[in-house]
């Protein structure tokens, strides 16, 4: 066996059982693998934000071009691609007045202003869902750029903008959380302090907190800045756009439209050549910054099937972080619980049938205790395989001639259990490299169970093409781990999240 091999670019499946390696070509020529017959949008925005959204949506109905339509193909128009109507005259609108935003925005406390603004937008969506009999497929939260700018961690509001002073420090808020009697006499002043202390239990990132607090309501959302939709209207003092998307307008249209189609219930594409009966599980971890115990972390698992369906299972908080080894590991009880949830979900989606193979992906190696727990949870006859992936082991490979780096799909086989895989590199189909830098490969290791290393590498390549949130040729990471950090941030953005198993679309 030669140590250097090539993993062919995986095929994807589209309408009429047509195959293609490029998602944009496949959608443009054949259409999505399954159709929906219209999208009903909800919009939470200011009056200006609503008009910006309508204008952007009207623009999506027409072809949109990029500066280079070879490396980034033009977008033919929403209905032409998805065979589905999505019109600006069929919107359910909830207004957020500028005065309401300003009332909360200019609070000195970043946590409090983010919490209050999230509450403002959240209440609009929740109330609207209760009060309308019509189904809203996707809610669009169109936020002014000021919210994006000032509702982020460690973002200090300029003194000249401050209208409301903080009433409690972070240290006082922490003391209150662990010693509530600090403000036991709830007069008006102390009640304000209690509310501000509560805000500290939530992450100060607007996007993540809103996503987290909406999980209990199972509402698909797309959060977008006004300057993303109308970038040409937001200029500096010289009239130059602050965010210039002129060279990638078609790419923006592809990405935005595909994500919306998926969140509305459509399936843009699915993997073509993946074996049936395979389940892929990616482990998610996130340390709890607000915890007294530095070992405490949230855990979750993302399950993906060969048809592209993804489900997130939230686990329990525990001492999953090992600071000495700088690794996350589950205890046997939690490991068993997560896999049981995944198997049960798989069975529900496959007429009670167990998977034939389960591949568990993680960024670190599995230890003996957690792997034995996984084995106990797996039904008899299921081939359970543990695969770790990282870019921590540097290896550079250069071509002797030419202007481009090595090809995507190239693999260097170390042995029958491990290999370096270039998921980023030159792609002949797009006639360009996916990165301007010399690409670093993934170090892939089968550290538990048994599988063909070539098959594992081929599966990983396929899973790099299953990101419905970005309509591009491929990702550098498989979808099982691509969103691990982001999902972890959402799951830890809100205090005591009660999230049932939910489709992947609620997190992206």
Protein backbone atom coordinates (compact mmCIF):
# COMPACT_ATOMS: atom_id res chain seq x y z
CA UNK A 1 0.00 0.00 0.00
CA UNK A 2 1.42 3.36 -1.01
CA UNK A 3 1.56 5.84 1.87
CA UNK A 4 0.33 8.75 -0.30
CA UNK A 5 -3.12 8.23 -1.82
CA UNK A 6 -5.96 10.33 -3.27
CA UNK A 7 -9.51 10.24 -1.91
CA UNK A 8 -11.84 11.15 -4.82
CA UNK A 9 -14.18 14.11 -4.38
CA UNK A 10 -17.46 12.71 -2.99
CA UNK A 11 -20.64 12.88 -4.99
CA UNK A 12 -23.81 14.51 -3.71
CA UNK A 13 -27.38 13.57 -4.59
CA UNK A 14 -29.95 16.05 -5.91
CA UNK A 15 -33.42 15.90 -7.46
CA UNK A 16 -34.21 13.06 -9.87
CA UNK A 17 -31.34 11.02 -8.33
CA UNK A 18 -28.77 13.15 -10.14
CA UNK A 19 -25.21 13.26 -8.81
CA UNK A 20 -22.73 16.10 -8.73
CA UNK A 21 -19.62 17.06 -6.73
CA UNK A 22 -20.43 20.80 -6.49
CA UNK A 23 -23.53 21.78 -4.51
CA UNK A 24 -24.09 24.91 -6.57
CA UNK A 25 -23.94 23.07 -9.90
CA UNK A 26 -26.23 20.36 -8.55
CA UNK A 27 -28.84 22.81 -7.26
CA UNK A 28 -28.72 24.95 -10.42
CA UNK A 29 -29.03 22.01 -12.82
CA UNK A 30 -31.27 19.56 -10.94
CA UNK A 31 -32.78 21.28 -7.91
CA UNK A 32 -32.93 20.18 -4.25
CA UNK A 33 -33.25 16.54 -3.28
CA UNK A 34 -36.64 17.23 -1.71
CA UNK A 35 -38.95 20.19 -2.29
CA UNK A 36 -41.11 22.48 -0.27
CA UNK A 37 -43.79 24.59 -1.91
CA UNK A 38 -43.31 27.95 -0.33
CA UNK A 39 -41.71 29.75 2.60
CA UNK A 40 -43.61 31.85 5.08
CA UNK A 41 -41.19 34.23 6.79
CA UNK A 42 -41.50 36.06 10.05
CA UNK A 43 -39.46 39.24 10.42
CA UNK A 44 -38.55 41.01 13.66
CA UNK A 45 -36.98 44.33 12.82
CA UNK A 46 -37.29 48.08 12.84
CA UNK A 47 -39.24 49.70 10.01
CA UNK A 48 -35.92 50.37 8.29
CA UNK A 49 -34.80 46.78 8.90
CA UNK A 50 -38.02 45.47 7.38
CA UNK A 51 -37.52 47.50 4.20
CA UNK A 52 -33.89 46.37 3.98
CA UNK A 53 -35.01 42.75 4.29
CA UNK A 54 -37.74 43.15 1.64
CA UNK A 55 -35.32 44.76 -0.81
CA UNK A 56 -32.77 41.98 -0.23
CA UNK A 57 -35.45 39.30 -0.70
CA UNK A 58 -36.62 40.93 -3.93
CA UNK A 59 -33.02 40.88 -5.13
CA UNK A 60 -32.76 37.14 -4.44
CA UNK A 61 -35.41 36.49 -7.07
CA UNK A 62 -33.00 37.63 -9.80
CA UNK A 63 -29.63 36.29 -10.95
CA UNK A 64 -26.73 37.55 -8.86
CA UNK A 65 -23.17 37.54 -10.13
CA UNK A 66 -19.74 37.39 -8.50
CA UNK A 67 -16.58 39.07 -9.66
CA UNK A 68 -15.29 35.63 -10.70
CA UNK A 69 -18.04 33.24 -11.76
CA UNK A 70 -15.65 30.34 -12.30
CA UNK A 71 -14.45 29.99 -8.73
CA UNK A 72 -17.78 31.27 -7.39
CA UNK A 73 -20.70 30.48 -9.74
CA UNK A 74 -23.49 33.01 -10.23
CA UNK A 75 -26.72 32.60 -8.30
CA UNK A 76 -29.61 32.03 -10.75
CA UNK A 77 -32.38 33.28 -8.43
CA UNK A 78 -34.19 31.68 -5.51
CA UNK A 79 -37.17 30.13 -7.30
CA UNK A 80 -34.99 29.02 -10.22
CA UNK A 81 -32.70 27.12 -7.82
CA UNK A 82 -35.12 25.69 -5.27
CA UNK A 83 -38.37 25.54 -7.29
CA UNK A 84 -39.98 27.24 -4.33
CA UNK A 85 -41.63 30.62 -3.84
CA UNK A 86 -40.32 32.99 -1.20
CA UNK A 87 -41.80 36.43 -1.69
CA UNK A 88 -41.52 39.72 0.14
CA UNK A 89 -45.31 40.23 0.09
CA UNK A 90 -45.85 37.13 2.24
CA UNK A 91 -44.20 38.14 5.49
CA UNK A 92 -45.38 38.15 9.09
CA UNK A 93 -43.93 41.28 10.62
CA UNK A 94 -43.24 42.14 14.24
CA UNK A 95 -41.97 45.67 14.70
CA UNK A 96 -39.23 46.59 17.10
CA UNK A 97 -39.24 50.34 17.49
CA UNK A 98 -35.94 52.22 17.60
CA UNK A 99 -37.06 53.79 20.87
CA UNK A 100 -37.38 50.32 22.41
CA UNK A 101 -33.87 49.41 21.28
CA UNK A 102 -32.38 52.69 22.50
CA UNK A 103 -34.01 52.23 25.89
CA UNK A 104 -31.86 49.13 26.52
CA UNK A 105 -28.86 49.71 24.26
CA UNK A 106 -27.19 52.49 26.21
CA UNK A 107 -26.78 50.60 29.47
CA UNK A 108 -23.25 50.67 30.84
CA UNK A 109 -23.47 46.96 31.74
CA UNK A 110 -22.80 44.80 28.66
CA UNK A 111 -24.56 41.77 30.15
CA UNK A 112 -27.66 43.76 31.10
CA UNK A 113 -28.06 45.52 27.75
CA UNK A 114 -27.59 42.23 25.88
CA UNK A 115 -30.04 40.40 28.12
CA UNK A 116 -32.69 43.11 27.80
CA UNK A 117 -32.34 43.38 24.03
CA UNK A 118 -32.50 39.62 23.61
CA UNK A 119 -35.64 39.64 25.78
CA UNK A 120 -37.14 42.34 23.57
CA UNK A 121 -36.67 40.36 20.33
CA UNK A 122 -37.51 37.04 21.98
CA UNK A 123 -40.83 38.31 23.32
CA UNK A 124 -41.83 39.55 19.87
CA UNK A 125 -41.29 36.10 18.36
CA UNK A 126 -42.89 34.11 21.19
CA UNK A 127 -45.94 36.37 21.35
CA UNK A 128 -46.40 36.28 17.58
CA UNK A 129 -46.24 32.46 17.52
CA UNK A 130 -48.94 32.31 20.19
CA UNK A 131 -51.21 34.82 18.51
CA UNK A 132 -51.19 33.58 14.93
CA UNK A 133 -52.75 30.44 13.49
CA UNK A 134 -50.49 30.64 10.44
CA UNK A 135 -47.25 28.68 10.40
CA UNK A 136 -44.08 30.72 10.25
CA UNK A 137 -41.32 28.58 8.75
CA UNK A 138 -38.36 30.78 9.66
CA UNK A 139 -38.08 33.89 11.80
CA UNK A 140 -35.60 36.51 10.62
CA UNK A 141 -34.11 38.72 13.27
CA UNK A 142 -32.75 41.76 11.45
CA UNK A 143 -30.63 43.67 13.93
CA UNK A 144 -29.22 47.16 13.63
CA UNK A 145 -25.44 47.17 13.55
CA UNK A 146 -25.34 48.93 16.92
CA UNK A 147 -26.66 45.77 18.55
CA UNK A 148 -23.99 43.68 16.87
CA UNK A 149 -21.32 46.18 17.92
CA UNK A 150 -22.27 46.68 21.55
CA UNK A 151 -23.86 43.34 22.48
CA UNK A 152 -20.72 41.25 22.53
CA UNK A 153 -18.51 40.05 25.40
CA UNK A 154 -16.10 42.62 26.80
CA UNK A 155 -17.54 45.35 24.60
CA UNK A 156 -17.35 48.68 26.42
CA UNK A 157 -19.92 51.32 25.64
CA UNK A 158 -18.33 54.77 25.08
CA UNK A 159 -18.95 57.02 28.05
CA UNK A 160 -20.73 59.65 25.99
CA UNK A 161 -23.37 57.07 25.00
CA UNK A 162 -24.10 55.79 28.52
CA UNK A 163 -27.61 56.62 29.70
CA UNK A 164 -28.03 53.95 32.37
CA UNK A 165 -25.33 53.21 34.93
CA UNK A 166 -24.62 49.70 36.16
CA UNK A 167 -26.10 48.98 39.58
CA UNK A 168 -23.99 45.99 40.50
CA UNK A 169 -20.49 44.80 39.68
CA UNK A 170 -19.63 41.40 38.24
CA UNK A 171 -18.10 40.34 41.58
CA UNK A 172 -21.26 41.39 43.46
CA UNK A 173 -23.41 39.54 40.94
CA UNK A 174 -21.35 36.38 41.46
CA UNK A 175 -21.74 36.68 45.22
CA UNK A 176 -25.46 37.14 44.82
CA UNK A 177 -25.77 34.01 42.67
CA UNK A 178 -24.16 31.91 45.35
CA UNK A 179 -25.57 33.89 48.31
CA UNK A 180 -29.03 35.13 47.31
CA UNK A 181 -29.69 36.58 50.74
CA UNK A 182 -27.41 39.48 49.81
CA UNK A 183 -30.47 41.31 48.49
CA UNK A 184 -33.14 39.56 50.48
CA UNK A 185 -35.06 42.76 51.10
CA UNK A 186 -36.38 43.44 47.64
CA UNK A 187 -37.03 47.11 47.67
CA UNK A 188 -36.95 48.89 44.33
CA UNK A 189 -33.19 49.44 44.41
CA UNK A 190 -32.35 45.88 45.35
CA UNK A 191 -34.81 44.49 42.84
CA UNK A 192 -32.88 46.32 40.10
CA UNK A 193 -29.68 44.79 41.44
CA UNK A 194 -31.23 41.35 41.42
CA UNK A 195 -32.28 41.76 37.78
CA UNK A 196 -28.81 42.93 36.83
CA UNK A 197 -27.27 39.99 38.70
CA UNK A 198 -29.50 37.66 36.68
CA UNK A 199 -28.18 39.14 33.43
CA UNK A 200 -24.65 38.09 34.42
CA UNK A 201 -25.73 34.44 34.27
CA UNK A 202 -26.20 34.81 30.51
CA UNK A 203 -23.55 35.22 27.86
CA UNK A 204 -23.13 38.76 26.56
CA UNK A 205 -23.17 37.64 22.92
CA UNK A 206 -26.56 38.65 21.42
CA UNK A 207 -26.58 35.93 18.73
CA UNK A 208 -25.74 33.03 21.04
CA UNK A 209 -28.02 34.10 23.86
CA UNK A 210 -31.03 34.56 21.58
CA UNK A 211 -30.44 31.16 19.95
CA UNK A 212 -30.09 29.57 23.39
CA UNK A 213 -33.23 31.08 24.86
CA UNK A 214 -35.27 30.15 21.78
CA UNK A 215 -34.38 26.45 22.05
CA UNK A 216 -37.25 25.87 24.46
CA UNK A 217 -39.64 27.34 21.88
CA UNK A 218 -38.29 25.32 18.89
CA UNK A 219 -38.22 28.32 16.60
CA UNK A 220 -35.91 28.24 13.53
CA UNK A 221 -34.22 31.62 13.22
CA UNK A 222 -31.83 33.48 11.00
CA UNK A 223 -30.09 36.36 12.75
CA UNK A 224 -28.62 38.87 10.34
CA UNK A 225 -27.21 42.38 10.48
CA UNK A 226 -28.76 45.19 8.46
CA UNK A 227 -25.34 45.90 6.94
CA UNK A 228 -25.15 42.33 5.61
CA UNK A 229 -28.37 42.70 3.66
CA UNK A 230 -27.77 46.27 2.48
CA UNK A 231 -23.99 46.58 2.62
CA UNK A 232 -23.93 49.35 0.02
CA UNK A 233 -25.96 51.68 2.26
CA UNK A 234 -23.52 51.55 5.17
CA UNK A 235 -20.56 53.75 4.32
CA UNK A 236 -17.78 55.62 6.08
CA UNK A 237 -17.17 59.37 5.94
CA UNK A 238 -15.76 59.05 2.42
CA UNK A 239 -18.78 57.17 1.10
CA UNK A 240 -16.88 53.86 0.97
CA UNK A 241 -18.87 50.79 2.10
CA UNK A 242 -17.82 49.66 5.55
CA UNK A 243 -18.45 46.05 4.50
CA UNK A 244 -17.77 45.58 0.80
CA UNK A 245 -19.45 42.45 -0.59
CA UNK A 246 -19.31 43.58 -4.21
CA UNK A 247 -17.05 40.69 -5.27
CA UNK A 248 -19.03 37.96 -3.51
CA UNK A 249 -22.68 39.00 -3.89
CA UNK A 250 -23.51 35.73 -5.64
CA UNK A 251 -21.82 33.71 -2.91
CA UNK A 252 -23.78 35.61 -0.26
CA UNK A 253 -27.03 34.86 -2.13
CA UNK A 254 -26.17 31.14 -2.38
CA UNK A 255 -25.30 30.86 1.31
CA UNK A 256 -28.25 32.84 2.63
CA UNK A 257 -30.80 31.10 0.39
CA UNK A 258 -29.59 27.57 1.09
CA UNK A 259 -29.62 28.10 4.83
CA UNK A 260 -33.17 29.47 4.70
CA UNK A 261 -34.40 26.62 2.50
CA UNK A 262 -32.97 24.09 4.97
CA UNK A 263 -34.40 25.84 8.05
CA UNK A 264 -37.81 26.02 6.36
CA UNK A 265 -37.90 22.23 6.07
CA UNK A 266 -36.27 21.58 2.71
CA UNK A 267 -33.37 19.25 2.01
CA UNK A 268 -30.93 20.88 -0.45
CA UNK A 269 -28.84 17.75 -1.05
CA UNK A 270 -27.65 14.60 0.64
CA UNK A 271 -24.63 12.34 0.51
CA UNK A 272 -24.67 10.01 -2.47
CA UNK A 273 -22.16 7.25 -1.95
CA UNK A 274 -22.29 6.80 1.83
CA UNK A 275 -23.24 3.30 2.93
CA UNK A 276 -26.75 2.91 4.31
CA UNK A 277 -27.15 2.18 7.99
CA UNK A 278 -24.31 4.47 9.05
CA UNK A 279 -24.62 6.94 11.90
CA UNK A 280 -22.06 9.65 12.60
CA UNK A 281 -21.83 11.20 16.05
CA UNK A 282 -19.74 14.28 16.88
CA UNK A 283 -18.98 15.15 20.51
CA UNK A 284 -19.35 18.76 21.68
CA UNK A 285 -17.78 20.26 24.78
CA UNK A 286 -17.67 23.76 26.26
CA UNK A 287 -16.13 24.84 29.54
CA UNK A 288 -18.41 26.79 31.87
CA UNK A 289 -16.70 30.12 32.41
CA UNK A 290 -19.14 31.14 35.15
CA UNK A 291 -18.69 27.97 37.19
CA UNK A 292 -16.78 27.80 40.48
CA UNK A 293 -15.27 24.50 39.34
CA UNK A 294 -12.85 24.97 36.39
CA UNK A 295 -13.37 21.31 35.42
CA UNK A 296 -17.10 21.83 34.78
CA UNK A 297 -18.19 21.72 31.16
CA UNK A 298 -21.32 21.25 29.10
CA UNK A 299 -21.43 18.32 26.71
CA UNK A 300 -23.58 17.40 23.74
CA UNK A 301 -23.62 15.08 20.77
CA UNK A 302 -24.45 15.86 17.14
CA UNK A 303 -25.85 12.97 15.12
CA UNK A 304 -25.79 12.99 11.33
CA UNK A 305 -27.21 10.36 9.01
CA UNK A 306 -26.45 9.51 5.41
CA UNK A 307 -29.56 11.51 4.35
CA UNK A 308 -28.15 14.70 5.85
CA UNK A 309 -30.46 14.87 8.87
CA UNK A 310 -28.78 16.25 11.96
CA UNK A 311 -29.91 16.18 15.60
CA UNK A 312 -28.30 17.69 18.70
CA UNK A 313 -28.56 15.96 22.08
CA UNK A 314 -27.69 18.08 25.10
CA UNK A 315 -25.90 16.23 27.87
CA UNK A 316 -25.40 17.06 31.50
CA UNK A 317 -22.91 19.46 33.05
CA UNK A 318 -20.05 17.70 34.77
CA UNK A 319 -16.32 17.54 35.36
CA UNK A 320 -15.54 16.69 31.75
CA UNK A 321 -12.44 18.92 31.45
CA UNK A 322 -9.06 17.57 32.53
CA UNK A 323 -6.76 20.62 32.99
CA UNK A 324 -3.63 18.49 33.37
CA UNK A 325 -4.07 16.69 30.03
CA UNK A 326 -6.10 19.54 28.49
CA UNK A 327 -8.68 17.06 27.26
CA UNK A 328 -12.41 16.50 27.59
CA UNK A 329 -13.69 13.10 28.68
CA UNK A 330 -17.11 11.88 29.77
CA UNK A 331 -17.78 9.69 32.75
CA UNK A 332 -19.36 6.30 31.96
CA UNK A 333 -22.89 7.36 32.92
CA UNK A 334 -22.92 10.39 30.62
CA UNK A 335 -21.20 8.57 27.75
CA UNK A 336 -23.81 5.82 27.90
CA UNK A 337 -26.68 8.34 28.09
CA UNK A 338 -25.61 10.30 25.00
CA UNK A 339 -25.18 7.21 22.84
CA UNK A 340 -28.50 5.72 23.98
CA UNK A 341 -30.24 8.97 22.97
CA UNK A 342 -28.56 8.87 19.56
CA UNK A 343 -29.46 5.22 18.95
CA UNK A 344 -33.08 5.81 19.96
CA UNK A 345 -33.31 8.79 17.63
CA UNK A 346 -31.80 6.75 14.80
CA UNK A 347 -34.36 4.00 15.37
CA UNK A 348 -37.23 6.50 15.33
CA UNK A 349 -36.08 7.73 11.93
CA UNK A 350 -35.44 4.26 10.48
CA UNK A 351 -38.54 2.19 11.30
CA UNK A 352 -37.09 0.74 14.48
CA UNK A 353 -33.91 -0.50 12.83
CA UNK A 354 -30.54 -0.17 14.55
CA UNK A 355 -27.62 1.33 12.66
CA UNK A 356 -25.05 -1.07 11.29
CA UNK A 357 -22.15 1.25 12.05
CA UNK A 358 -21.67 4.14 14.46
CA UNK A 359 -18.66 6.41 14.07
CA UNK A 360 -18.02 8.71 17.04
CA UNK A 361 -15.92 11.75 16.11
CA UNK A 362 -14.05 13.81 18.67
CA UNK A 363 -11.17 16.25 18.82
CA UNK A 364 -9.34 14.16 21.44
CA UNK A 365 -8.69 10.45 21.92
CA UNK A 366 -11.16 8.36 23.91
CA UNK A 367 -10.15 6.90 27.26
CA UNK A 368 -10.93 3.35 28.38
CA UNK A 369 -13.77 4.19 30.78
CA UNK A 370 -15.84 6.26 28.37
CA UNK A 371 -15.29 3.83 25.49
CA UNK A 372 -16.44 0.86 27.57
CA UNK A 373 -19.59 2.86 28.38
CA UNK A 374 -20.18 3.55 24.68
CA UNK A 375 -19.81 -0.18 23.98
CA UNK A 376 -22.35 -1.04 26.69
CA UNK A 377 -24.85 1.42 25.17
CA UNK A 378 -24.44 0.15 21.60
CA UNK A 379 -26.91 -2.57 20.52
CA UNK A 380 -25.54 -6.00 19.71
CA UNK A 381 -24.13 -6.25 16.20
CA UNK A 382 -23.39 -2.54 15.80
CA UNK A 383 -19.82 -1.79 14.71
CA UNK A 384 -18.70 1.05 17.00
CA UNK A 385 -15.68 3.07 15.91
CA UNK A 386 -13.98 5.99 17.67
CA UNK A 387 -12.21 8.53 15.45
CA UNK A 388 -10.23 11.52 16.67
CA UNK A 389 -9.35 14.49 14.46
CA UNK A 390 -7.14 17.50 14.97
CA UNK A 391 -4.75 19.88 13.24
CA UNK A 392 -2.36 19.89 16.19
CA UNK A 393 0.29 17.81 14.42
CA UNK A 394 1.81 20.07 11.76
CA UNK A 395 2.79 18.62 8.43
CA UNK A 396 3.45 20.63 5.30
CA UNK A 397 3.34 19.12 1.84
CA UNK A 398 4.39 21.11 -1.22
CA UNK A 399 3.97 20.56 -4.95
CA UNK A 400 7.14 20.59 -7.00
CA UNK A 401 5.56 22.66 -9.77
CA UNK A 402 2.57 24.94 -10.25
CA UNK A 403 1.03 27.87 -8.41
CA UNK A 404 -1.44 25.91 -6.31
CA UNK A 405 -1.04 23.86 -3.12
CA UNK A 406 -1.62 20.12 -2.90
CA UNK A 407 -5.02 18.81 -3.91
CA UNK A 408 -7.91 18.47 -1.54
CA UNK A 409 -8.41 14.77 -0.91
CA UNK A 410 -4.74 13.87 -0.72
CA UNK A 411 -3.93 11.58 2.22
CA UNK A 412 -0.69 10.39 3.76
CA UNK A 413 -1.21 6.98 5.37
CA UNK A 414 0.87 6.50 8.51
CA UNK A 415 -0.46 3.01 9.24
CA UNK A 416 -3.78 1.14 9.13
CA UNK A 417 -5.14 3.27 12.01
CA UNK A 418 -3.97 6.82 11.26
CA UNK A 419 -3.38 9.25 8.43
CA UNK A 420 -3.03 12.89 7.45
CA UNK A 421 -5.90 14.08 5.26
CA UNK A 422 -5.94 17.32 3.28
CA UNK A 423 -9.56 18.47 3.38
CA UNK A 424 -8.40 21.93 2.26
CA UNK A 425 -6.37 22.41 -0.91
CA UNK A 426 -6.62 22.83 -4.65
CA UNK A 427 -9.95 21.68 -6.11
CA UNK A 428 -9.86 21.13 -9.90
CA UNK A 429 -13.62 21.65 -10.16
CA UNK A 430 -13.44 25.21 -8.84
CA UNK A 431 -10.00 25.88 -10.35
CA UNK A 432 -8.81 27.39 -7.11
CA UNK A 433 -7.54 26.56 -3.64
CA UNK A 434 -9.80 26.77 -0.61
CA UNK A 435 -7.16 28.69 1.32
CA UNK A 436 -4.59 31.36 0.53
CA UNK A 437 -2.09 29.65 2.85
CA UNK A 438 -0.28 26.33 2.55
CA UNK A 439 -3.00 24.04 3.93
CA UNK A 440 -2.59 22.03 7.10
CA UNK A 441 -4.00 18.50 7.02
CA UNK A 442 -6.30 16.84 9.51
CA UNK A 443 -4.63 14.20 11.63
CA UNK A 444 -7.14 11.33 11.65
CA UNK A 445 -6.81 8.39 14.01
CA UNK A 446 -8.98 5.33 14.59
CA UNK A 447 -8.21 4.97 18.28
CA UNK A 448 -11.10 2.70 19.27
CA UNK A 449 -12.80 -0.05 17.35
CA UNK A 450 -11.98 -1.33 13.90
CA UNK A 451 -12.53 0.14 10.45
CA UNK A 452 -10.80 0.56 7.09
CA UNK A 453 -8.75 3.77 7.30
CA UNK A 454 -9.45 4.55 3.65
CA UNK A 455 -13.20 4.25 4.28
CA UNK A 456 -12.92 6.52 7.32
CA UNK A 457 -11.08 9.15 5.27
CA UNK A 458 -13.65 8.89 2.48
CA UNK A 459 -16.50 9.38 4.96
CA UNK A 460 -14.79 12.45 6.45
CA UNK A 461 -14.39 13.94 2.98
CA UNK A 462 -18.11 13.40 2.36
CA UNK A 463 -19.07 14.99 5.67
CA UNK A 464 -17.14 18.15 4.74
CA UNK A 465 -19.83 18.71 2.10
CA UNK A 466 -22.86 18.55 4.41
CA UNK A 467 -22.85 22.12 5.72
CA UNK A 468 -26.25 23.56 4.77
CA UNK A 469 -25.36 26.84 6.44
CA UNK A 470 -22.77 27.71 3.81
CA UNK A 471 -23.38 26.80 0.20
CA UNK A 472 -19.80 26.22 -0.87
CA UNK A 473 -17.80 23.45 -2.50
CA UNK A 474 -16.60 21.99 0.80
CA UNK A 475 -15.56 22.74 4.37
CA UNK A 476 -12.26 22.04 6.01
CA UNK A 477 -13.90 20.06 8.85
CA UNK A 478 -16.61 17.39 8.72
CA UNK A 479 -20.01 18.61 9.83
CA UNK A 480 -19.80 16.36 12.91
CA UNK A 481 -17.15 18.68 14.35
CA UNK A 482 -17.48 21.80 12.19
CA UNK A 483 -20.03 23.45 14.50
CA UNK A 484 -18.90 21.90 17.79
CA UNK A 485 -17.58 25.17 19.24
CA UNK A 486 -20.60 27.18 18.09
CA UNK A 487 -23.09 24.68 19.49
CA UNK A 488 -21.14 24.63 22.74
CA UNK A 489 -21.32 28.41 22.93
CA UNK A 490 -25.09 28.37 22.42
CA UNK A 491 -25.63 25.64 25.01
CA UNK A 492 -23.68 27.63 27.60
CA UNK A 493 -25.01 31.07 26.65
CA UNK A 494 -28.05 30.84 28.87
CA UNK A 495 -28.39 29.75 32.47
CA UNK A 496 -29.85 26.28 32.95
CA UNK A 497 -30.88 25.57 29.36
CA UNK A 498 -33.55 22.88 29.04
CA UNK A 499 -33.05 21.74 25.46
CA UNK A 500 -34.73 18.55 24.24
CA UNK A 501 -33.18 16.69 21.28
CA UNK A 502 -33.57 19.17 18.45
CA UNK A 503 -32.80 19.29 14.76
CA UNK A 504 -29.48 20.80 13.84
CA UNK A 505 -31.21 23.75 12.13
CA UNK A 506 -32.14 25.30 15.48
CA UNK A 507 -28.47 25.86 16.33
CA UNK A 508 -27.08 27.37 13.14
